Amino acid sequence: MPIKPQDLRLYLVMGSQDCPHHDPAEVLRAAIAGGITMFQFREKHSVLNLSETVQLGKTLRSLCRSHRIPFLVNDRVDLAMILEADGVHLGQDDLPVPEVRRILPPSSLVGVSARNIAEAKQAMQEGADYLGVGPMFATTSKPDARKPIGPSALAEIRQAIGTFPIVGIGGITCQNGAAVFQAGADGIAVISAITRADSPELSARQLREL
């Protein structure tokens, strides 16, 4: 399933830990109504056991499928297989792309996180479908997030790799998201800007307007 730049326009990353006061399914349903174009199930540092994680994943996957939203899983190739996900998103310390390609169905999407030109080019050479570049700004959604590289670094990566699909991630809000698009991103990936908003649907709609 080749990725289209428009699929990355508004990319929601979420797990139960990101929705402490709301049902994750309701947050996703509202975000879909607001216009998200891709979803990544990222269940990390949560209180759910493996059985509960699978059950939640199936619920969220069903929502995405009913609205034709690509459903990806963060890091966990095994969970992606169990959930019959459309693909996975990998960090620099996760399984190499060629090994993931051997395990998942040929049509699976594989995204890779990159902070610099070298990482971006390696991901492309190994067969990634798109890059997640960041963190763009400081973020509290990921306790292990590294120092922000800013839109300027994304612009450098864009110049070096041409038209390859890029989504910016990390600390993006309605207030600063335009700078990420101006740097050359095809889309923006957010967590708390939607999951912790008073109205996830309204927040998603405002982000889409960028």
N, C-alpha and C. Protein backbone atom coordinates (compact mmCIF):
# COMPACT_ATOMS: atom_id res chain seq x y z
N MET A 1 0.85 -1.19 0.00
CA MET A 1 0.00 0.00 0.00
C MET A 1 0.88 1.23 0.00
N PRO A 2 1.17 1.80 -1.16
CA PRO A 2 2.05 2.97 -1.22
C PRO A 2 1.42 4.15 -0.48
N ILE A 3 2.26 4.90 0.21
CA ILE A 3 1.74 6.02 0.98
C ILE A 3 1.58 7.24 0.08
N LYS A 4 0.57 8.02 0.37
CA LYS A 4 0.34 9.26 -0.35
C LYS A 4 0.64 10.41 0.60
N PRO A 5 1.27 11.47 0.10
CA PRO A 5 1.58 12.60 0.99
C PRO A 5 0.37 13.10 1.76
N GLN A 6 -0.81 13.05 1.13
CA GLN A 6 -2.01 13.54 1.82
C GLN A 6 -2.42 12.65 2.99
N ASP A 7 -1.95 11.38 2.99
CA ASP A 7 -2.23 10.51 4.13
C ASP A 7 -1.55 11.02 5.40
N LEU A 8 -0.45 11.75 5.24
CA LEU A 8 0.31 12.24 6.37
C LEU A 8 -0.15 13.60 6.87
N ARG A 9 -1.13 14.20 6.21
CA ARG A 9 -1.51 15.58 6.49
C ARG A 9 -1.73 15.84 7.98
N LEU A 10 -2.54 15.00 8.63
CA LEU A 10 -2.75 15.12 10.08
C LEU A 10 -2.75 13.73 10.69
N TYR A 11 -1.68 13.42 11.36
CA TYR A 11 -1.33 12.08 11.82
C TYR A 11 -1.45 12.05 13.35
N LEU A 12 -2.43 11.32 13.86
CA LEU A 12 -2.62 11.21 15.31
C LEU A 12 -1.88 10.00 15.85
N VAL A 13 -1.09 10.22 16.88
CA VAL A 13 -0.39 9.15 17.60
C VAL A 13 -1.01 9.08 18.99
N MET A 14 -1.43 7.89 19.43
CA MET A 14 -2.17 7.84 20.68
C MET A 14 -2.21 6.44 21.28
N GLY A 15 -2.23 6.41 22.61
CA GLY A 15 -2.49 5.20 23.38
C GLY A 15 -3.32 5.57 24.58
N SER A 16 -3.66 4.59 25.41
CA SER A 16 -4.52 4.88 26.56
C SER A 16 -3.85 5.85 27.53
N GLN A 17 -2.51 5.83 27.60
CA GLN A 17 -1.81 6.72 28.52
C GLN A 17 -1.96 8.19 28.15
N ASP A 18 -2.36 8.45 26.91
CA ASP A 18 -2.53 9.83 26.44
C ASP A 18 -3.94 10.35 26.68
N CYS A 19 -4.82 9.48 27.20
CA CYS A 19 -6.22 9.87 27.41
C CYS A 19 -6.63 9.54 28.85
N PRO A 20 -6.01 10.19 29.83
CA PRO A 20 -6.26 9.84 31.23
C PRO A 20 -7.69 10.09 31.69
N HIS A 21 -8.41 10.97 31.02
CA HIS A 21 -9.76 11.32 31.48
C HIS A 21 -10.85 10.96 30.47
N HIS A 22 -10.46 10.28 29.39
CA HIS A 22 -11.45 9.98 28.35
C HIS A 22 -11.22 8.57 27.80
N ASP A 23 -12.25 8.01 27.21
CA ASP A 23 -12.15 6.73 26.53
C ASP A 23 -11.37 6.94 25.23
N PRO A 24 -10.24 6.23 25.03
CA PRO A 24 -9.45 6.41 23.81
C PRO A 24 -10.26 6.26 22.53
N ALA A 25 -11.23 5.36 22.54
CA ALA A 25 -12.06 5.17 21.34
C ALA A 25 -12.88 6.42 21.04
N GLU A 26 -13.38 7.08 22.09
CA GLU A 26 -14.15 8.31 21.88
C GLU A 26 -13.25 9.44 21.38
N VAL A 27 -12.03 9.50 21.89
CA VAL A 27 -11.07 10.50 21.43
C VAL A 27 -10.75 10.27 19.95
N LEU A 28 -10.51 9.01 19.58
CA LEU A 28 -10.21 8.71 18.18
C LEU A 28 -11.41 9.02 17.29
N ARG A 29 -12.59 8.67 17.75
CA ARG A 29 -13.80 8.94 16.96
C ARG A 29 -13.95 10.44 16.71
N ALA A 30 -13.71 11.24 17.73
CA ALA A 30 -13.80 12.70 17.59
C ALA A 30 -12.71 13.23 16.67
N ALA A 31 -11.50 12.67 16.80
CA ALA A 31 -10.39 13.12 15.96
C ALA A 31 -10.65 12.80 14.49
N ILE A 32 -11.25 11.65 14.23
CA ILE A 32 -11.60 11.29 12.85
C ILE A 32 -12.63 12.27 12.31
N ALA A 33 -13.61 12.62 13.13
CA ALA A 33 -14.61 13.60 12.71
C ALA A 33 -13.97 14.95 12.43
N GLY A 34 -12.89 15.25 13.14
CA GLY A 34 -12.19 16.51 12.96
C GLY A 34 -11.25 16.54 11.77
N GLY A 35 -10.95 15.35 11.21
CA GLY A 35 -10.18 15.33 9.98
C GLY A 35 -8.81 14.70 9.99
N ILE A 36 -8.49 13.84 10.98
CA ILE A 36 -7.18 13.19 10.93
C ILE A 36 -7.11 12.28 9.70
N THR A 37 -5.90 12.07 9.20
CA THR A 37 -5.72 11.29 7.97
C THR A 37 -4.94 10.00 8.18
N MET A 38 -4.34 9.83 9.38
CA MET A 38 -3.60 8.62 9.69
C MET A 38 -3.57 8.45 11.20
N PHE A 39 -3.47 7.20 11.65
CA PHE A 39 -3.45 6.95 13.10
C PHE A 39 -2.37 5.93 13.45
N GLN A 40 -1.66 6.22 14.54
CA GLN A 40 -0.65 5.30 15.05
C GLN A 40 -0.99 4.93 16.49
N PHE A 41 -1.14 3.63 16.73
CA PHE A 41 -1.42 3.11 18.07
C PHE A 41 -0.10 2.99 18.82
N ARG A 42 0.08 3.83 19.82
CA ARG A 42 1.32 3.86 20.60
C ARG A 42 0.97 3.64 22.06
N GLU A 43 1.02 2.39 22.49
CA GLU A 43 0.68 2.03 23.87
C GLU A 43 1.99 1.84 24.64
N LYS A 44 2.41 2.88 25.36
CA LYS A 44 3.67 2.85 26.10
C LYS A 44 3.48 3.46 27.47
N HIS A 45 4.12 2.84 28.47
CA HIS A 45 4.05 3.35 29.84
C HIS A 45 2.60 3.44 30.32
N SER A 46 1.77 2.50 29.90
CA SER A 46 0.37 2.51 30.30
C SER A 46 0.14 1.45 31.38
N VAL A 47 -1.07 1.43 31.92
CA VAL A 47 -1.40 0.45 32.96
C VAL A 47 -2.07 -0.78 32.36
N LEU A 48 -2.25 -0.82 31.05
CA LEU A 48 -2.92 -1.95 30.42
C LEU A 48 -2.00 -3.16 30.34
N ASN A 49 -2.58 -4.36 30.57
CA ASN A 49 -1.80 -5.57 30.33
C ASN A 49 -1.86 -5.91 28.85
N LEU A 50 -1.19 -6.97 28.44
CA LEU A 50 -1.11 -7.29 27.01
C LEU A 50 -2.49 -7.62 26.42
N SER A 51 -3.30 -8.34 27.18
CA SER A 51 -4.63 -8.69 26.69
C SER A 51 -5.48 -7.44 26.48
N GLU A 52 -5.40 -6.52 27.43
CA GLU A 52 -6.17 -5.27 27.32
C GLU A 52 -5.65 -4.40 26.18
N THR A 53 -4.33 -4.44 25.97
CA THR A 53 -3.73 -3.68 24.88
C THR A 53 -4.24 -4.18 23.53
N VAL A 54 -4.30 -5.50 23.39
CA VAL A 54 -4.80 -6.08 22.14
C VAL A 54 -6.26 -5.71 21.93
N GLN A 55 -7.06 -5.80 22.99
CA GLN A 55 -8.47 -5.48 22.86
C GLN A 55 -8.69 -4.02 22.47
N LEU A 56 -7.94 -3.10 23.10
CA LEU A 56 -8.04 -1.69 22.74
C LEU A 56 -7.59 -1.48 21.30
N GLY A 57 -6.50 -2.14 20.92
CA GLY A 57 -6.00 -2.01 19.56
C GLY A 57 -7.02 -2.44 18.53
N LYS A 58 -7.74 -3.52 18.81
CA LYS A 58 -8.76 -3.99 17.88
C LYS A 58 -9.90 -2.98 17.75
N THR A 59 -10.26 -2.37 18.87
CA THR A 59 -11.34 -1.37 18.84
C THR A 59 -10.92 -0.17 18.00
N LEU A 60 -9.70 0.31 18.22
CA LEU A 60 -9.22 1.47 17.48
C LEU A 60 -9.00 1.15 16.01
N ARG A 61 -8.52 -0.05 15.73
CA ARG A 61 -8.33 -0.47 14.35
C ARG A 61 -9.67 -0.51 13.60
N SER A 62 -10.69 -1.02 14.28
CA SER A 62 -12.01 -1.10 13.66
C SER A 62 -12.54 0.29 13.31
N LEU A 63 -12.32 1.25 14.20
CA LEU A 63 -12.74 2.62 13.94
C LEU A 63 -12.03 3.18 12.72
N CYS A 64 -10.73 2.95 12.65
CA CYS A 64 -9.96 3.45 11.51
C CYS A 64 -10.41 2.81 10.21
N ARG A 65 -10.64 1.52 10.24
CA ARG A 65 -11.03 0.83 9.00
C ARG A 65 -12.39 1.31 8.50
N SER A 66 -13.28 1.57 9.42
CA SER A 66 -14.61 2.00 9.00
C SER A 66 -14.58 3.38 8.36
N HIS A 67 -13.51 4.13 8.61
CA HIS A 67 -13.38 5.47 8.02
C HIS A 67 -12.21 5.55 7.03
N ARG A 68 -11.66 4.39 6.69
CA ARG A 68 -10.55 4.30 5.72
C ARG A 68 -9.36 5.16 6.13
N ILE A 69 -9.03 5.10 7.43
CA ILE A 69 -7.86 5.78 7.97
C ILE A 69 -6.76 4.73 8.16
N PRO A 70 -5.57 4.91 7.57
CA PRO A 70 -4.48 3.95 7.80
C PRO A 70 -4.19 3.79 9.29
N PHE A 71 -4.07 2.53 9.73
CA PHE A 71 -3.84 2.21 11.14
C PHE A 71 -2.47 1.58 11.29
N LEU A 72 -1.57 2.25 11.99
CA LEU A 72 -0.22 1.75 12.20
C LEU A 72 0.02 1.50 13.68
N VAL A 73 1.03 0.70 13.98
CA VAL A 73 1.41 0.41 15.36
C VAL A 73 2.83 0.91 15.60
N ASN A 74 3.04 1.51 16.74
CA ASN A 74 4.36 2.02 17.09
C ASN A 74 5.28 0.90 17.58
N ASP A 75 6.42 0.75 16.95
CA ASP A 75 7.51 -0.15 17.40
C ASP A 75 7.19 -1.64 17.33
N ARG A 76 6.04 -2.05 17.85
CA ARG A 76 5.75 -3.46 18.09
C ARG A 76 5.28 -4.18 16.84
N VAL A 77 6.21 -4.86 16.18
CA VAL A 77 5.86 -5.60 14.97
C VAL A 77 4.93 -6.77 15.30
N ASP A 78 5.15 -7.40 16.45
CA ASP A 78 4.27 -8.51 16.84
C ASP A 78 2.84 -8.04 17.05
N LEU A 79 2.68 -6.89 17.68
CA LEU A 79 1.35 -6.35 17.90
C LEU A 79 0.70 -5.93 16.58
N ALA A 80 1.51 -5.39 15.69
CA ALA A 80 0.99 -5.01 14.37
C ALA A 80 0.44 -6.23 13.64
N MET A 81 1.12 -7.37 13.77
CA MET A 81 0.66 -8.59 13.12
C MET A 81 -0.64 -9.09 13.75
N ILE A 82 -0.69 -9.07 15.07
CA ILE A 82 -1.90 -9.53 15.77
C ILE A 82 -3.11 -8.68 15.40
N LEU A 83 -2.87 -7.36 15.29
CA LEU A 83 -3.97 -6.44 15.00
C LEU A 83 -4.25 -6.29 13.51
N GLU A 84 -3.46 -6.98 12.68
CA GLU A 84 -3.60 -6.86 11.23
C GLU A 84 -3.55 -5.39 10.82
N ALA A 85 -2.56 -4.70 11.36
CA ALA A 85 -2.39 -3.27 11.10
C ALA A 85 -1.94 -3.03 9.66
N ASP A 86 -2.08 -1.78 9.24
CA ASP A 86 -1.62 -1.41 7.90
C ASP A 86 -0.12 -1.20 7.86
N GLY A 87 0.53 -1.19 9.04
CA GLY A 87 1.97 -1.03 9.06
C GLY A 87 2.48 -0.70 10.44
N VAL A 88 3.75 -0.30 10.50
CA VAL A 88 4.39 0.03 11.77
C VAL A 88 5.21 1.31 11.61
N HIS A 89 5.49 1.93 12.74
CA HIS A 89 6.44 3.05 12.75
C HIS A 89 7.58 2.66 13.67
N LEU A 90 8.80 2.78 13.17
CA LEU A 90 9.99 2.32 13.87
C LEU A 90 10.88 3.47 14.30
N GLY A 91 11.48 3.33 15.49
CA GLY A 91 12.49 4.26 15.94
C GLY A 91 13.87 3.77 15.52
N GLN A 92 14.89 4.56 15.79
CA GLN A 92 16.24 4.19 15.40
C GLN A 92 16.76 2.96 16.15
N ASP A 93 16.18 2.66 17.31
CA ASP A 93 16.63 1.52 18.10
C ASP A 93 15.75 0.29 17.94
N ASP A 94 14.79 0.36 17.04
CA ASP A 94 13.89 -0.77 16.82
C ASP A 94 14.45 -1.71 15.75
N LEU A 95 13.66 -2.72 15.37
CA LEU A 95 14.09 -3.66 14.35
C LEU A 95 14.43 -2.94 13.05
N PRO A 96 15.46 -3.41 12.32
CA PRO A 96 15.80 -2.80 11.03
C PRO A 96 14.66 -2.99 10.02
N VAL A 97 14.52 -2.02 9.14
CA VAL A 97 13.45 -2.07 8.14
C VAL A 97 13.48 -3.35 7.32
N PRO A 98 14.64 -3.80 6.80
CA PRO A 98 14.65 -5.03 5.98
C PRO A 98 14.11 -6.25 6.74
N GLU A 99 14.41 -6.34 8.03
CA GLU A 99 13.91 -7.47 8.81
C GLU A 99 12.40 -7.37 9.01
N VAL A 100 11.91 -6.15 9.22
CA VAL A 100 10.47 -5.95 9.37
C VAL A 100 9.76 -6.31 8.07
N ARG A 101 10.36 -5.95 6.95
CA ARG A 101 9.76 -6.26 5.65
C ARG A 101 9.63 -7.77 5.45
N ARG A 102 10.54 -8.54 6.02
CA ARG A 102 10.50 -10.00 5.87
C ARG A 102 9.35 -10.60 6.67
N ILE A 103 8.91 -9.89 7.73
CA ILE A 103 7.90 -10.42 8.63
C ILE A 103 6.49 -10.00 8.24
N LEU A 104 6.34 -8.72 7.91
CA LEU A 104 5.01 -8.18 7.64
C LEU A 104 4.58 -8.44 6.19
N PRO A 105 3.30 -8.36 5.91
CA PRO A 105 2.81 -8.51 4.53
C PRO A 105 3.46 -7.47 3.62
N PRO A 106 3.63 -7.80 2.34
CA PRO A 106 4.31 -6.89 1.40
C PRO A 106 3.66 -5.52 1.29
N SER A 107 2.37 -5.44 1.54
CA SER A 107 1.66 -4.17 1.39
C SER A 107 1.80 -3.25 2.61
N SER A 108 2.47 -3.72 3.65
CA SER A 108 2.55 -2.95 4.89
C SER A 108 3.34 -1.66 4.74
N LEU A 109 2.87 -0.62 5.42
CA LEU A 109 3.60 0.65 5.47
C LEU A 109 4.63 0.58 6.59
N VAL A 110 5.80 1.16 6.33
CA VAL A 110 6.84 1.22 7.35
C VAL A 110 7.37 2.65 7.42
N GLY A 111 7.15 3.28 8.56
CA GLY A 111 7.69 4.61 8.80
C GLY A 111 8.88 4.52 9.72
N VAL A 112 9.80 5.46 9.60
CA VAL A 112 11.01 5.45 10.42
C VAL A 112 11.28 6.85 10.96
N SER A 113 11.62 6.94 12.24
CA SER A 113 11.98 8.21 12.84
C SER A 113 13.40 8.60 12.44
N ALA A 114 13.59 9.89 12.17
CA ALA A 114 14.92 10.38 11.77
C ALA A 114 15.13 11.77 12.34
N ARG A 115 16.37 12.03 12.77
CA ARG A 115 16.71 13.34 13.32
C ARG A 115 17.66 14.12 12.43
N ASN A 116 18.26 13.44 11.47
CA ASN A 116 19.25 14.11 10.63
C ASN A 116 19.27 13.49 9.24
N ILE A 117 20.08 14.08 8.38
CA ILE A 117 20.13 13.65 6.98
C ILE A 117 20.62 12.21 6.86
N ALA A 118 21.63 11.83 7.64
CA ALA A 118 22.18 10.48 7.55
C ALA A 118 21.13 9.43 7.90
N GLU A 119 20.39 9.65 8.98
CA GLU A 119 19.35 8.70 9.36
C GLU A 119 18.24 8.65 8.32
N ALA A 120 17.91 9.81 7.76
CA ALA A 120 16.86 9.88 6.74
C ALA A 120 17.26 9.08 5.50
N LYS A 121 18.48 9.28 5.04
CA LYS A 121 18.94 8.58 3.83
C LYS A 121 19.04 7.08 4.07
N GLN A 122 19.47 6.68 5.25
CA GLN A 122 19.56 5.25 5.55
C GLN A 122 18.17 4.61 5.54
N ALA A 123 17.20 5.30 6.14
CA ALA A 123 15.84 4.76 6.16
C ALA A 123 15.29 4.61 4.75
N MET A 124 15.55 5.59 3.91
CA MET A 124 15.10 5.51 2.52
C MET A 124 15.73 4.34 1.80
N GLN A 125 17.04 4.18 1.97
CA GLN A 125 17.77 3.10 1.30
C GLN A 125 17.30 1.73 1.76
N GLU A 126 16.88 1.63 3.02
CA GLU A 126 16.46 0.34 3.57
C GLU A 126 15.01 0.00 3.24
N GLY A 127 14.28 0.97 2.67
CA GLY A 127 12.93 0.65 2.23
C GLY A 127 11.79 1.25 3.02
N ALA A 128 12.06 2.31 3.80
CA ALA A 128 10.97 2.98 4.52
C ALA A 128 10.02 3.63 3.53
N ASP A 129 8.78 3.81 3.96
CA ASP A 129 7.77 4.47 3.12
C ASP A 129 7.67 5.96 3.41
N TYR A 130 8.01 6.34 4.63
CA TYR A 130 7.97 7.75 5.00
C TYR A 130 8.86 7.96 6.22
N LEU A 131 9.17 9.22 6.51
CA LEU A 131 9.99 9.58 7.66
C LEU A 131 9.18 10.37 8.67
N GLY A 132 9.42 10.11 9.95
CA GLY A 132 8.89 10.93 11.03
C GLY A 132 10.05 11.74 11.57
N VAL A 133 10.08 13.03 11.30
CA VAL A 133 11.23 13.87 11.65
C VAL A 133 10.90 14.70 12.88
N GLY A 134 11.79 14.65 13.88
CA GLY A 134 11.56 15.42 15.09
C GLY A 134 12.51 15.02 16.21
N PRO A 135 12.24 15.52 17.42
CA PRO A 135 11.12 16.38 17.79
C PRO A 135 11.26 17.79 17.20
N MET A 136 10.15 18.32 16.72
CA MET A 136 10.16 19.68 16.21
C MET A 136 10.30 20.70 17.34
N PHE A 137 9.54 20.46 18.42
CA PHE A 137 9.54 21.35 19.57
C PHE A 137 9.56 20.51 20.84
N ALA A 138 9.71 21.16 21.98
CA ALA A 138 9.70 20.44 23.25
C ALA A 138 8.34 19.78 23.45
N THR A 139 8.36 18.57 23.98
CA THR A 139 7.11 17.83 24.17
C THR A 139 7.11 17.13 25.51
N THR A 140 5.92 17.02 26.11
CA THR A 140 5.77 16.29 27.36
C THR A 140 5.08 14.95 27.14
N SER A 141 4.70 14.67 25.90
CA SER A 141 3.98 13.42 25.61
C SER A 141 4.90 12.21 25.63
N LYS A 142 6.19 12.44 25.39
CA LYS A 142 7.16 11.35 25.38
C LYS A 142 8.24 11.65 26.41
N PRO A 143 8.23 10.95 27.55
CA PRO A 143 9.21 11.20 28.60
C PRO A 143 10.65 11.02 28.12
N ASP A 144 10.85 10.17 27.12
CA ASP A 144 12.19 9.88 26.63
C ASP A 144 12.55 10.70 25.38
N ALA A 145 11.75 11.70 25.07
CA ALA A 145 12.00 12.50 23.87
C ALA A 145 13.34 13.23 23.98
N ARG A 146 14.03 13.31 22.86
CA ARG A 146 15.33 13.96 22.83
C ARG A 146 15.16 15.46 22.59
N LYS A 147 16.28 16.17 22.59
CA LYS A 147 16.26 17.62 22.41
C LYS A 147 15.64 17.97 21.06
N PRO A 148 14.77 18.99 21.03
CA PRO A 148 14.13 19.38 19.77
C PRO A 148 15.16 19.77 18.71
N ILE A 149 14.89 19.39 17.47
CA ILE A 149 15.78 19.77 16.36
C ILE A 149 15.21 20.95 15.58
N GLY A 150 13.91 21.20 15.72
CA GLY A 150 13.28 22.35 15.10
C GLY A 150 12.99 22.19 13.62
N PRO A 151 12.11 23.04 13.09
CA PRO A 151 11.76 23.00 11.67
C PRO A 151 12.95 23.22 10.75
N SER A 152 13.98 23.93 11.22
CA SER A 152 15.15 24.17 10.36
C SER A 152 15.84 22.87 9.98
N ALA A 153 15.89 21.91 10.93
CA ALA A 153 16.50 20.62 10.62
C ALA A 153 15.65 19.85 9.63
N LEU A 154 14.33 19.96 9.76
CA LEU A 154 13.45 19.31 8.79
C LEU A 154 13.67 19.90 7.40
N ALA A 155 13.85 21.21 7.34
CA ALA A 155 14.09 21.85 6.04
C ALA A 155 15.38 21.34 5.40
N GLU A 156 16.40 21.10 6.21
CA GLU A 156 17.66 20.56 5.69
C GLU A 156 17.48 19.15 5.17
N ILE A 157 16.71 18.34 5.90
CA ILE A 157 16.43 16.97 5.45
C ILE A 157 15.63 16.99 4.16
N ARG A 158 14.64 17.86 4.09
CA ARG A 158 13.83 17.97 2.88
C ARG A 158 14.70 18.33 1.68
N GLN A 159 15.61 19.25 1.84
CA GLN A 159 16.48 19.65 0.73
C GLN A 159 17.38 18.50 0.29
N ALA A 160 17.77 17.67 1.24
CA ALA A 160 18.70 16.58 0.94
C ALA A 160 18.04 15.38 0.29
N ILE A 161 16.75 15.14 0.57
CA ILE A 161 16.12 13.90 0.11
C ILE A 161 15.04 14.12 -0.94
N GLY A 162 14.78 15.36 -1.31
CA GLY A 162 13.79 15.60 -2.36
C GLY A 162 12.37 15.42 -1.89
N THR A 163 11.57 14.72 -2.67
CA THR A 163 10.12 14.65 -2.43
C THR A 163 9.67 13.48 -1.56
N PHE A 164 10.60 12.76 -0.97
CA PHE A 164 10.25 11.62 -0.13
C PHE A 164 9.31 12.09 1.00
N PRO A 165 8.25 11.31 1.33
CA PRO A 165 7.26 11.74 2.32
C PRO A 165 7.85 11.97 3.72
N ILE A 166 7.51 13.11 4.31
CA ILE A 166 7.98 13.48 5.65
C ILE A 166 6.81 13.97 6.48
N VAL A 167 6.74 13.49 7.72
CA VAL A 167 5.80 14.05 8.69
C VAL A 167 6.62 14.58 9.87
N GLY A 168 6.34 15.80 10.28
CA GLY A 168 7.01 16.38 11.43
C GLY A 168 6.28 15.97 12.70
N ILE A 169 7.04 15.76 13.78
CA ILE A 169 6.43 15.32 15.04
C ILE A 169 7.15 15.94 16.22
N GLY A 170 6.42 16.12 17.32
CA GLY A 170 7.02 16.57 18.56
C GLY A 170 6.63 17.98 18.96
N GLY A 171 5.72 18.10 19.91
CA GLY A 171 5.37 19.40 20.46
C GLY A 171 4.60 20.30 19.51
N ILE A 172 4.00 19.75 18.48
CA ILE A 172 3.30 20.56 17.47
C ILE A 172 1.91 20.93 17.96
N THR A 173 1.57 22.20 17.76
CA THR A 173 0.26 22.73 18.16
C THR A 173 -0.31 23.57 17.02
N CYS A 174 -1.50 24.09 17.25
CA CYS A 174 -2.10 24.99 16.26
C CYS A 174 -1.26 26.27 16.11
N GLN A 175 -0.56 26.62 17.18
CA GLN A 175 0.21 27.86 17.17
C GLN A 175 1.53 27.74 16.39
N ASN A 176 2.15 26.56 16.40
CA ASN A 176 3.47 26.44 15.75
C ASN A 176 3.49 25.50 14.56
N GLY A 177 2.37 24.85 14.27
CA GLY A 177 2.34 23.86 13.21
C GLY A 177 2.63 24.40 11.82
N ALA A 178 2.25 25.64 11.56
CA ALA A 178 2.48 26.21 10.24
C ALA A 178 3.96 26.23 9.88
N ALA A 179 4.82 26.43 10.87
CA ALA A 179 6.26 26.48 10.61
C ALA A 179 6.78 25.13 10.14
N VAL A 180 6.14 24.05 10.57
CA VAL A 180 6.56 22.71 10.16
C VAL A 180 6.21 22.47 8.69
N PHE A 181 5.03 22.91 8.29
CA PHE A 181 4.66 22.81 6.88
C PHE A 181 5.56 23.70 6.02
N GLN A 182 5.86 24.89 6.50
CA GLN A 182 6.71 25.81 5.76
C GLN A 182 8.11 25.25 5.57
N ALA A 183 8.54 24.40 6.50
CA ALA A 183 9.86 23.78 6.40
C ALA A 183 9.90 22.66 5.37
N GLY A 184 8.73 22.23 4.89
CA GLY A 184 8.69 21.20 3.85
C GLY A 184 8.02 19.90 4.22
N ALA A 185 7.40 19.84 5.41
CA ALA A 185 6.72 18.61 5.81
C ALA A 185 5.44 18.40 4.99
N ASP A 186 5.14 17.13 4.72
CA ASP A 186 3.88 16.78 4.06
C ASP A 186 2.75 16.78 5.07
N GLY A 187 3.09 16.61 6.35
CA GLY A 187 2.07 16.57 7.37
C GLY A 187 2.66 16.76 8.75
N ILE A 188 1.78 16.79 9.74
CA ILE A 188 2.20 16.93 11.13
C ILE A 188 1.60 15.79 11.94
N ALA A 189 2.39 15.27 12.87
CA ALA A 189 1.94 14.22 13.78
C ALA A 189 1.82 14.81 15.18
N VAL A 190 0.70 14.55 15.83
CA VAL A 190 0.46 15.13 17.15
C VAL A 190 -0.05 14.07 18.11
N ILE A 191 0.15 14.35 19.39
CA ILE A 191 -0.43 13.52 20.44
C ILE A 191 -1.34 14.41 21.30
N SER A 192 -0.71 15.14 22.23
CA SER A 192 -1.49 15.90 23.21
C SER A 192 -2.30 17.04 22.62
N ALA A 193 -1.89 17.57 21.47
CA ALA A 193 -2.65 18.66 20.86
C ALA A 193 -4.09 18.25 20.57
N ILE A 194 -4.30 16.94 20.41
CA ILE A 194 -5.66 16.43 20.20
C ILE A 194 -6.16 15.68 21.44
N THR A 195 -5.35 14.77 21.97
CA THR A 195 -5.84 13.89 23.05
C THR A 195 -6.15 14.63 24.33
N ARG A 196 -5.46 15.74 24.59
CA ARG A 196 -5.68 16.48 25.83
C ARG A 196 -6.44 17.79 25.60
N ALA A 197 -6.96 17.96 24.41
CA ALA A 197 -7.75 19.15 24.11
C ALA A 197 -9.14 19.02 24.73
N ASP A 198 -9.75 20.17 25.06
CA ASP A 198 -11.11 20.15 25.59
C ASP A 198 -12.06 19.53 24.58
N SER A 199 -11.79 19.81 23.30
CA SER A 199 -12.58 19.21 22.22
C SER A 199 -11.62 18.63 21.19
N PRO A 200 -11.35 17.31 21.24
CA PRO A 200 -10.46 16.70 20.26
C PRO A 200 -10.90 16.95 18.82
N GLU A 201 -12.22 16.96 18.59
CA GLU A 201 -12.71 17.19 17.23
C GLU A 201 -12.37 18.60 16.75
N LEU A 202 -12.61 19.58 17.59
CA LEU A 202 -12.32 20.97 17.22
C LEU A 202 -10.82 21.17 17.02
N SER A 203 -10.03 20.60 17.90
CA SER A 203 -8.57 20.73 17.78
C SER A 203 -8.08 20.11 16.49
N ALA A 204 -8.60 18.93 16.15
CA ALA A 204 -8.20 18.28 14.90
C ALA A 204 -8.60 19.14 13.71
N ARG A 205 -9.78 19.72 13.77
CA ARG A 205 -10.24 20.55 12.65
C ARG A 205 -9.35 21.79 12.50
N GLN A 206 -8.94 22.38 13.61
CA GLN A 206 -8.07 23.56 13.55
C GLN A 206 -6.69 23.19 13.01
N LEU A 207 -6.20 22.03 13.39
CA LEU A 207 -4.90 21.58 12.88
C LEU A 207 -4.97 21.31 11.39
N ARG A 208 -6.08 20.74 10.93
CA ARG A 208 -6.24 20.50 9.50
C ARG A 208 -6.25 21.79 8.70
N GLU A 209 -6.76 22.86 9.29
CA GLU A 209 -6.83 24.14 8.60
C GLU A 209 -5.44 24.72 8.32
N LEU A 210 -4.44 24.22 9.05
CA LEU A 210 -3.08 24.70 8.81
C LEU A 210 -2.62 24.34 7.41
